[in-house]
Amino acid sequence: NLTSLVDVSLTLVIIFMVSYPLVMQSGINVSSPSMEKAKTQLEETELKAEIVLKEDYSIQLNGKKIEPDYLSDSLKTLMAA
């Protein structure tokens, strides 16, 4: 019983190995974007926000002191710019 199972398994492996290149040749050709183009797009959309919490619980956003209640609004404004 084990011998026939191994025989069938190896036959299936050989069939898949032979048919795989045929399937890949008939696949859809997709051109991937170049890394240089993707890198320039990333650099154009890069935003930075530095949030500092001081010992007296004051908050600084990009070096400017803001009230804690306005942190969310300030971040939204920064992201929209």
C-alpha atoms as a PDB file:
ATOM      1  CA  ASN A   1       0.000   0.000   0.000  1.00  0.00           C
ATOM      2  CA  LEU A   2       2.784   2.411   0.830  1.00  0.00           C
ATOM      3  CA  THR A   3       4.610   1.659  -2.395  1.00  0.00           C
ATOM      4  CA  SER A   4       1.600   2.545  -4.528  1.00  0.00           C
ATOM      5  CA  LEU A   5       1.065   5.766  -2.538  1.00  0.00           C
ATOM      6  CA  VAL A   6       4.676   6.830  -3.112  1.00  0.00           C
ATOM      7  CA  ASP A   7       4.379   5.947  -6.802  1.00  0.00           C
ATOM      8  CA  VAL A   8       1.234   8.038  -7.260  1.00  0.00           C
ATOM      9  CA  SER A   9       2.725  10.938  -5.269  1.00  0.00           C
ATOM     10  CA  LEU A  10       5.902  11.015  -7.326  1.00  0.00           C
ATOM     11  CA  THR A  11       3.885  10.837 -10.537  1.00  0.00           C
ATOM     12  CA  LEU A  12       1.840  13.862  -9.440  1.00  0.00           C
ATOM     13  CA  VAL A  13       4.992  15.781  -8.534  1.00  0.00           C
ATOM     14  CA  ILE A  14       6.467  15.090 -11.978  1.00  0.00           C
ATOM     15  CA  ILE A  15       3.227  16.174 -13.688  1.00  0.00           C
ATOM     16  CA  PHE A  16       3.190  19.437 -11.722  1.00  0.00           C
ATOM     17  CA  MET A  17       6.865  20.079 -12.482  1.00  0.00           C
ATOM     18  CA  VAL A  18       6.273  19.613 -16.208  1.00  0.00           C
ATOM     19  CA  SER A  19       3.053  21.647 -16.347  1.00  0.00           C
ATOM     20  CA  TYR A  20       4.262  24.604 -14.230  1.00  0.00           C
ATOM     21  CA  PRO A  21       6.406  26.252 -16.941  1.00  0.00           C
ATOM     22  CA  LEU A  22       3.560  25.912 -19.440  1.00  0.00           C
ATOM     23  CA  VAL A  23       1.139  27.641 -17.108  1.00  0.00           C
ATOM     24  CA  MET A  24       3.617  30.439 -16.341  1.00  0.00           C
ATOM     25  CA  GLN A  25       4.213  31.157 -20.035  1.00  0.00           C
ATOM     26  CA  SER A  26       0.527  31.720 -20.638  1.00  0.00           C
ATOM     27  CA  GLY A  27       0.162  34.004 -17.604  1.00  0.00           C
ATOM     28  CA  ILE A  28      -0.650  37.693 -17.666  1.00  0.00           C
ATOM     29  CA  ASN A  29       2.357  39.968 -18.106  1.00  0.00           C
ATOM     30  CA  VAL A  30       2.428  42.741 -15.524  1.00  0.00           C
ATOM     31  CA  SER A  31       5.137  45.361 -15.454  1.00  0.00           C
ATOM     32  CA  SER A  32       6.078  46.414 -11.956  1.00  0.00           C
ATOM     33  CA  PRO A  33       6.807  50.076 -11.228  1.00  0.00           C
ATOM     34  CA  SER A  34      10.414  51.143 -10.972  1.00  0.00           C
ATOM     35  CA  MET A  35      11.878  51.751  -7.534  1.00  0.00           C
ATOM     36  CA  GLU A  36      13.162  55.197  -8.519  1.00  0.00           C
ATOM     37  CA  LYS A  37       9.675  56.415  -9.350  1.00  0.00           C
ATOM     38  CA  ALA A  38       8.261  54.986  -6.132  1.00  0.00           C
ATOM     39  CA  LYS A  39      11.057  56.572  -4.086  1.00  0.00           C
ATOM     40  CA  THR A  40      10.423  60.048  -5.525  1.00  0.00           C
ATOM     41  CA  GLN A  41       6.707  59.724  -4.848  1.00  0.00           C
ATOM     42  CA  LEU A  42       7.460  58.735  -1.260  1.00  0.00           C
ATOM     43  CA  GLU A  43       9.772  61.708  -0.785  1.00  0.00           C
ATOM     44  CA  GLU A  44       7.123  64.092  -2.118  1.00  0.00           C
ATOM     45  CA  THR A  45       4.451  62.890   0.308  1.00  0.00           C
ATOM     46  CA  GLU A  46       6.622  62.537   3.401  1.00  0.00           C
ATOM     47  CA  LEU A  47       5.342  64.532   6.389  1.00  0.00           C
ATOM     48  CA  LYS A  48       7.053  64.762   9.742  1.00  0.00           C
ATOM     49  CA  ALA A  49       5.551  65.654  13.089  1.00  0.00           C
ATOM     50  CA  GLU A  50       7.628  65.868  16.253  1.00  0.00           C
ATOM     51  CA  ILE A  51       5.548  65.771  19.422  1.00  0.00           C
ATOM     52  CA  VAL A  52       7.321  66.515  22.708  1.00  0.00           C
ATOM     53  CA  LEU A  53       5.715  66.062  26.134  1.00  0.00           C
ATOM     54  CA  LYS A  54       7.521  68.149  28.759  1.00  0.00           C
ATOM     55  CA  GLU A  55       7.785  67.438  32.494  1.00  0.00           C
ATOM     56  CA  ASP A  56       5.194  70.138  33.210  1.00  0.00           C
ATOM     57  CA  TYR A  57       2.789  68.282  30.853  1.00  0.00           C
ATOM     58  CA  SER A  58       3.025  70.945  28.176  1.00  0.00           C
ATOM     59  CA  ILE A  59       3.023  69.742  24.570  1.00  0.00           C
ATOM     60  CA  GLN A  60       5.172  70.931  21.696  1.00  0.00           C
ATOM     61  CA  LEU A  61       4.365  70.119  18.077  1.00  0.00           C
ATOM     62  CA  ASN A  62       7.315  70.734  15.744  1.00  0.00           C
ATOM     63  CA  GLY A  63       8.861  73.086  18.319  1.00  0.00           C
ATOM     64  CA  LYS A  64       5.710  75.160  18.918  1.00  0.00           C
ATOM     65  CA  LYS A  65       3.899  74.996  22.240  1.00  0.00           C
ATOM     66  CA  ILE A  66       0.245  74.021  21.875  1.00  0.00           C
ATOM     67  CA  GLU A  67      -2.582  73.280  24.257  1.00  0.00           C
ATOM     68  CA  PRO A  68      -3.464  69.594  24.747  1.00  0.00           C
ATOM     69  CA  ASP A  69      -7.036  70.236  23.601  1.00  0.00           C
ATOM     70  CA  TYR A  70      -5.786  71.469  20.210  1.00  0.00           C
ATOM     71  CA  LEU A  71      -3.327  68.628  19.513  1.00  0.00           C
ATOM     72  CA  SER A  72      -5.792  66.683  17.374  1.00  0.00           C
ATOM     73  CA  ASP A  73      -6.789  69.761  15.360  1.00  0.00           C
ATOM     74  CA  SER A  74      -3.151  70.780  14.901  1.00  0.00           C
ATOM     75  CA  LEU A  75      -2.237  67.325  13.598  1.00  0.00           C
ATOM     76  CA  LYS A  76      -5.176  67.354  11.189  1.00  0.00           C
ATOM     77  CA  THR A  77      -4.104  70.775   9.900  1.00  0.00           C
ATOM     78  CA  LEU A  78      -0.520  69.580   9.496  1.00  0.00           C
ATOM     79  CA  MET A  79      -1.611  66.480   7.571  1.00  0.00           C
ATOM     80  CA  ALA A  80      -3.880  68.508   5.285  1.00  0.00           C
ATOM     81  CA  ALA A  81      -1.056  70.852   4.294  1.00  0.00           C
END
